[in-house]
Amino acid sequence: MEQLNDFDYGIAEYIWKILKTQQTIVWSWGVEPDTVMTIKNGTQFHVQGFLMTGTVKITYDEGMDLFDIEFLPDDDKPRKAILGLYLDQIVDTIDRHVEYDENYMENLTNEYGLIITSPSPGTVMADNGQ
């Protein structure tokens, strides 16, 4: 295993700053905090999402100034790699492979017994008593 250096730790920290800009989405992936680690040119962590349970690796390609993501499922599903992403594509790309699909609301209902509806435009969601 290659020795990690300050650049690796800096990139891992930078990636997590990007992920934290959409923290609620990241939480929905079921990230296991004790699996978060710095790797060469990036970070990796284990998730437990509706679409995939396994390891997500995010690495920075310094020459291209882009990010690569690998999805390594725990089960027999095929591994996937998405290469050449801009930083603003990272969260959505992971979400589409780990958690969210066209059946997401149905998945939530089936898994947790939730009844989820979308409010109509202009609906007041809370009454502050005034």
C-alpha atoms as a PDB file:
ATOM      1  CA  MET A   1       0.000   0.000   0.000  1.00  0.00           C
ATOM      2  CA  GLU A   2       1.274   3.425  -0.940  1.00  0.00           C
ATOM      3  CA  GLN A   3       2.077   5.895   1.786  1.00  0.00           C
ATOM      4  CA  LEU A   4      -0.475   8.672   2.094  1.00  0.00           C
ATOM      5  CA  ASN A   5       0.778  12.239   2.029  1.00  0.00           C
ATOM      6  CA  ASP A   6      -0.557  15.714   2.826  1.00  0.00           C
ATOM      7  CA  PHE A   7      -2.025  16.004  -0.677  1.00  0.00           C
ATOM      8  CA  ASP A   8      -4.103  12.831  -0.131  1.00  0.00           C
ATOM      9  CA  TYR A   9      -5.431  14.080   3.210  1.00  0.00           C
ATOM     10  CA  GLY A  10      -6.166  17.495   1.695  1.00  0.00           C
ATOM     11  CA  ILE A  11      -8.088  15.981  -1.223  1.00  0.00           C
ATOM     12  CA  ALA A  12     -10.083  13.724   1.117  1.00  0.00           C
ATOM     13  CA  GLU A  13     -10.999  16.750   3.237  1.00  0.00           C
ATOM     14  CA  TYR A  14     -11.952  18.725   0.107  1.00  0.00           C
ATOM     15  CA  ILE A  15     -14.194  15.884  -1.140  1.00  0.00           C
ATOM     16  CA  TRP A  16     -15.975  15.749   2.221  1.00  0.00           C
ATOM     17  CA  LYS A  17     -16.526  19.516   2.084  1.00  0.00           C
ATOM     18  CA  ILE A  18     -18.231  18.955  -1.280  1.00  0.00           C
ATOM     19  CA  LEU A  19     -20.342  16.108   0.121  1.00  0.00           C
ATOM     20  CA  LYS A  20     -21.372  18.154   3.160  1.00  0.00           C
ATOM     21  CA  THR A  21     -22.904  20.838   0.928  1.00  0.00           C
ATOM     22  CA  GLN A  22     -25.794  18.376   0.513  1.00  0.00           C
ATOM     23  CA  GLN A  23     -25.565  16.675   3.876  1.00  0.00           C
ATOM     24  CA  THR A  24     -29.162  15.417   4.011  1.00  0.00           C
ATOM     25  CA  ILE A  25     -28.645  13.476   0.787  1.00  0.00           C
ATOM     26  CA  VAL A  26     -25.354  12.053   2.068  1.00  0.00           C
ATOM     27  CA  TRP A  27     -27.069  10.931   5.293  1.00  0.00           C
ATOM     28  CA  SER A  28     -29.681   9.087   3.213  1.00  0.00           C
ATOM     29  CA  TRP A  29     -26.931   6.812   1.859  1.00  0.00           C
ATOM     30  CA  GLY A  30     -26.392   5.253   5.281  1.00  0.00           C
ATOM     31  CA  VAL A  31     -22.702   6.157   5.421  1.00  0.00           C
ATOM     32  CA  GLU A  32     -21.014   4.219   8.210  1.00  0.00           C
ATOM     33  CA  PRO A  33     -18.757   6.799   9.915  1.00  0.00           C
ATOM     34  CA  ASP A  34     -16.185   4.263  11.096  1.00  0.00           C
ATOM     35  CA  THR A  35     -15.549   3.230   7.460  1.00  0.00           C
ATOM     36  CA  VAL A  36     -14.630   6.716   6.227  1.00  0.00           C
ATOM     37  CA  MET A  37     -10.961   6.766   5.294  1.00  0.00           C
ATOM     38  CA  THR A  38      -8.417   8.654   3.281  1.00  0.00           C
ATOM     39  CA  ILE A  39      -7.010   6.770   0.303  1.00  0.00           C
ATOM     40  CA  LYS A  40      -4.508   7.725  -2.374  1.00  0.00           C
ATOM     41  CA  ASN A  41      -5.938  10.853  -4.067  1.00  0.00           C
ATOM     42  CA  GLY A  42      -9.284  10.623  -2.289  1.00  0.00           C
ATOM     43  CA  THR A  43     -11.623   8.992   0.178  1.00  0.00           C
ATOM     44  CA  GLN A  44     -13.745   5.895   0.544  1.00  0.00           C
ATOM     45  CA  PHE A  45     -16.649   4.858   2.762  1.00  0.00           C
ATOM     46  CA  HIS A  46     -19.259   2.135   3.156  1.00  0.00           C
ATOM     47  CA  VAL A  47     -22.935   2.868   2.406  1.00  0.00           C
ATOM     48  CA  GLN A  48     -26.250   1.103   2.966  1.00  0.00           C
ATOM     49  CA  GLY A  49     -28.615   2.553   0.375  1.00  0.00           C
ATOM     50  CA  PHE A  50     -31.771   1.327  -1.345  1.00  0.00           C
ATOM     51  CA  LEU A  51     -29.866   0.616  -4.570  1.00  0.00           C
ATOM     52  CA  MET A  52     -26.471  -0.467  -3.265  1.00  0.00           C
ATOM     53  CA  THR A  53     -24.797  -1.611  -0.083  1.00  0.00           C
ATOM     54  CA  GLY A  54     -21.040  -1.480  -0.440  1.00  0.00           C
ATOM     55  CA  THR A  55     -18.032   0.778  -0.728  1.00  0.00           C
ATOM     56  CA  VAL A  56     -17.879   4.085  -2.591  1.00  0.00           C
ATOM     57  CA  LYS A  57     -14.427   5.356  -3.596  1.00  0.00           C
ATOM     58  CA  ILE A  58     -13.957   8.929  -4.802  1.00  0.00           C
ATOM     59  CA  THR A  59     -10.603   9.898  -6.253  1.00  0.00           C
ATOM     60  CA  TYR A  60      -9.239  13.060  -7.793  1.00  0.00           C
ATOM     61  CA  ASP A  61      -7.511  12.935 -11.174  1.00  0.00           C
ATOM     62  CA  GLU A  62      -5.070  15.818 -10.848  1.00  0.00           C
ATOM     63  CA  GLY A  63      -4.065  15.766 -14.519  1.00  0.00           C
ATOM     64  CA  MET A  64      -7.671  16.102 -15.698  1.00  0.00           C
ATOM     65  CA  ASP A  65      -8.812  18.183 -12.685  1.00  0.00           C
ATOM     66  CA  LEU A  66     -11.829  15.847 -12.432  1.00  0.00           C
ATOM     67  CA  PHE A  67     -13.127  13.190 -10.044  1.00  0.00           C
ATOM     68  CA  ASP A  68     -13.693   9.458 -10.496  1.00  0.00           C
ATOM     69  CA  ILE A  69     -16.144   7.371  -8.475  1.00  0.00           C
ATOM     70  CA  GLU A  70     -16.081   3.596  -8.020  1.00  0.00           C
ATOM     71  CA  PHE A  71     -19.033   1.625  -6.671  1.00  0.00           C
ATOM     72  CA  LEU A  72     -18.025  -1.678  -5.081  1.00  0.00           C
ATOM     73  CA  PRO A  73     -21.162  -3.576  -3.983  1.00  0.00           C
ATOM     74  CA  ASP A  74     -21.006  -6.092  -1.141  1.00  0.00           C
ATOM     75  CA  ASP A  75     -23.175  -8.527  -3.111  1.00  0.00           C
ATOM     76  CA  ASP A  76     -22.760 -10.042  -6.560  1.00  0.00           C
ATOM     77  CA  LYS A  77     -23.862  -6.909  -8.427  1.00  0.00           C
ATOM     78  CA  PRO A  78     -21.264  -5.659 -10.902  1.00  0.00           C
ATOM     79  CA  ARG A  79     -18.771  -3.003  -9.922  1.00  0.00           C
ATOM     80  CA  LYS A  80     -19.179   0.353 -11.623  1.00  0.00           C
ATOM     81  CA  ALA A  81     -16.839   3.250 -12.276  1.00  0.00           C
ATOM     82  CA  ILE A  82     -17.894   6.732 -13.342  1.00  0.00           C
ATOM     83  CA  LEU A  83     -14.945   8.727 -14.615  1.00  0.00           C
ATOM     84  CA  GLY A  84     -14.335  12.392 -15.310  1.00  0.00           C
ATOM     85  CA  LEU A  85     -16.860  14.137 -13.076  1.00  0.00           C
ATOM     86  CA  TYR A  86     -16.891  17.789 -12.134  1.00  0.00           C
ATOM     87  CA  LEU A  87     -17.155  18.498  -8.419  1.00  0.00           C
ATOM     88  CA  ASP A  88     -20.786  19.605  -8.698  1.00  0.00           C
ATOM     89  CA  GLN A  89     -21.713  16.190 -10.165  1.00  0.00           C
ATOM     90  CA  ILE A  90     -20.335  14.070  -7.308  1.00  0.00           C
ATOM     91  CA  VAL A  91     -23.315  14.022  -4.909  1.00  0.00           C
ATOM     92  CA  ASP A  92     -25.957  13.471  -7.608  1.00  0.00           C
ATOM     93  CA  THR A  93     -23.919  10.713  -9.250  1.00  0.00           C
ATOM     94  CA  ILE A  94     -23.471   8.837  -5.984  1.00  0.00           C
ATOM     95  CA  ASP A  95     -27.124   9.347  -5.071  1.00  0.00           C
ATOM     96  CA  ARG A  96     -28.304   7.843  -8.396  1.00  0.00           C
ATOM     97  CA  HIS A  97     -26.190   4.725  -7.811  1.00  0.00           C
ATOM     98  CA  VAL A  98     -26.667   4.268  -4.059  1.00  0.00           C
ATOM     99  CA  GLU A  99     -30.067   5.616  -3.027  1.00  0.00           C
ATOM    100  CA  TYR A 100     -32.383   7.418  -5.420  1.00  0.00           C
ATOM    101  CA  ASP A 101     -34.274   6.082  -8.425  1.00  0.00           C
ATOM    102  CA  GLU A 102     -37.678   6.624 -10.026  1.00  0.00           C
ATOM    103  CA  ASN A 103     -39.253   4.409  -7.320  1.00  0.00           C
ATOM    104  CA  TYR A 104     -37.706   6.255  -4.374  1.00  0.00           C
ATOM    105  CA  MET A 105     -40.954   7.426  -2.767  1.00  0.00           C
ATOM    106  CA  GLU A 106     -42.427   3.931  -3.139  1.00  0.00           C
ATOM    107  CA  ASN A 107     -39.255   2.459  -1.593  1.00  0.00           C
ATOM    108  CA  LEU A 108     -39.590   4.788   1.404  1.00  0.00           C
ATOM    109  CA  THR A 109     -43.243   3.853   1.822  1.00  0.00           C
ATOM    110  CA  ASN A 110     -42.531   0.111   1.615  1.00  0.00           C
ATOM    111  CA  GLU A 111     -39.450   0.184   3.845  1.00  0.00           C
ATOM    112  CA  TYR A 112     -40.642   2.549   6.554  1.00  0.00           C
ATOM    113  CA  GLY A 113     -44.434   2.555   6.186  1.00  0.00           C
ATOM    114  CA  LEU A 114     -44.407   6.270   5.469  1.00  0.00           C
ATOM    115  CA  ILE A 115     -47.152   8.007   3.553  1.00  0.00           C
ATOM    116  CA  ILE A 116     -45.419  10.718   1.587  1.00  0.00           C
ATOM    117  CA  THR A 117     -47.251  13.393  -0.329  1.00  0.00           C
ATOM    118  CA  SER A 118     -46.007  16.500  -2.028  1.00  0.00           C
ATOM    119  CA  PRO A 119     -47.664  19.747  -0.951  1.00  0.00           C
ATOM    120  CA  SER A 120     -49.427  21.849  -3.543  1.00  0.00           C
ATOM    121  CA  PRO A 121     -47.658  25.069  -4.514  1.00  0.00           C
ATOM    122  CA  GLY A 122     -48.450  27.811  -2.013  1.00  0.00           C
ATOM    123  CA  THR A 123     -49.442  25.390   0.751  1.00  0.00           C
ATOM    124  CA  VAL A 124     -48.584  26.602   4.254  1.00  0.00           C
ATOM    125  CA  MET A 125     -46.658  23.789   5.947  1.00  0.00           C
ATOM    126  CA  ALA A 126     -46.618  25.209   9.482  1.00  0.00           C
ATOM    127  CA  ASP A 127     -48.849  27.501  11.452  1.00  0.00           C
ATOM    128  CA  ASN A 128     -47.024  29.844  13.786  1.00  0.00           C
ATOM    129  CA  GLY A 129     -50.259  30.854  15.551  1.00  0.00           C
ATOM    130  CA  GLN A 130     -50.682  34.269  13.935  1.00  0.00           C
END
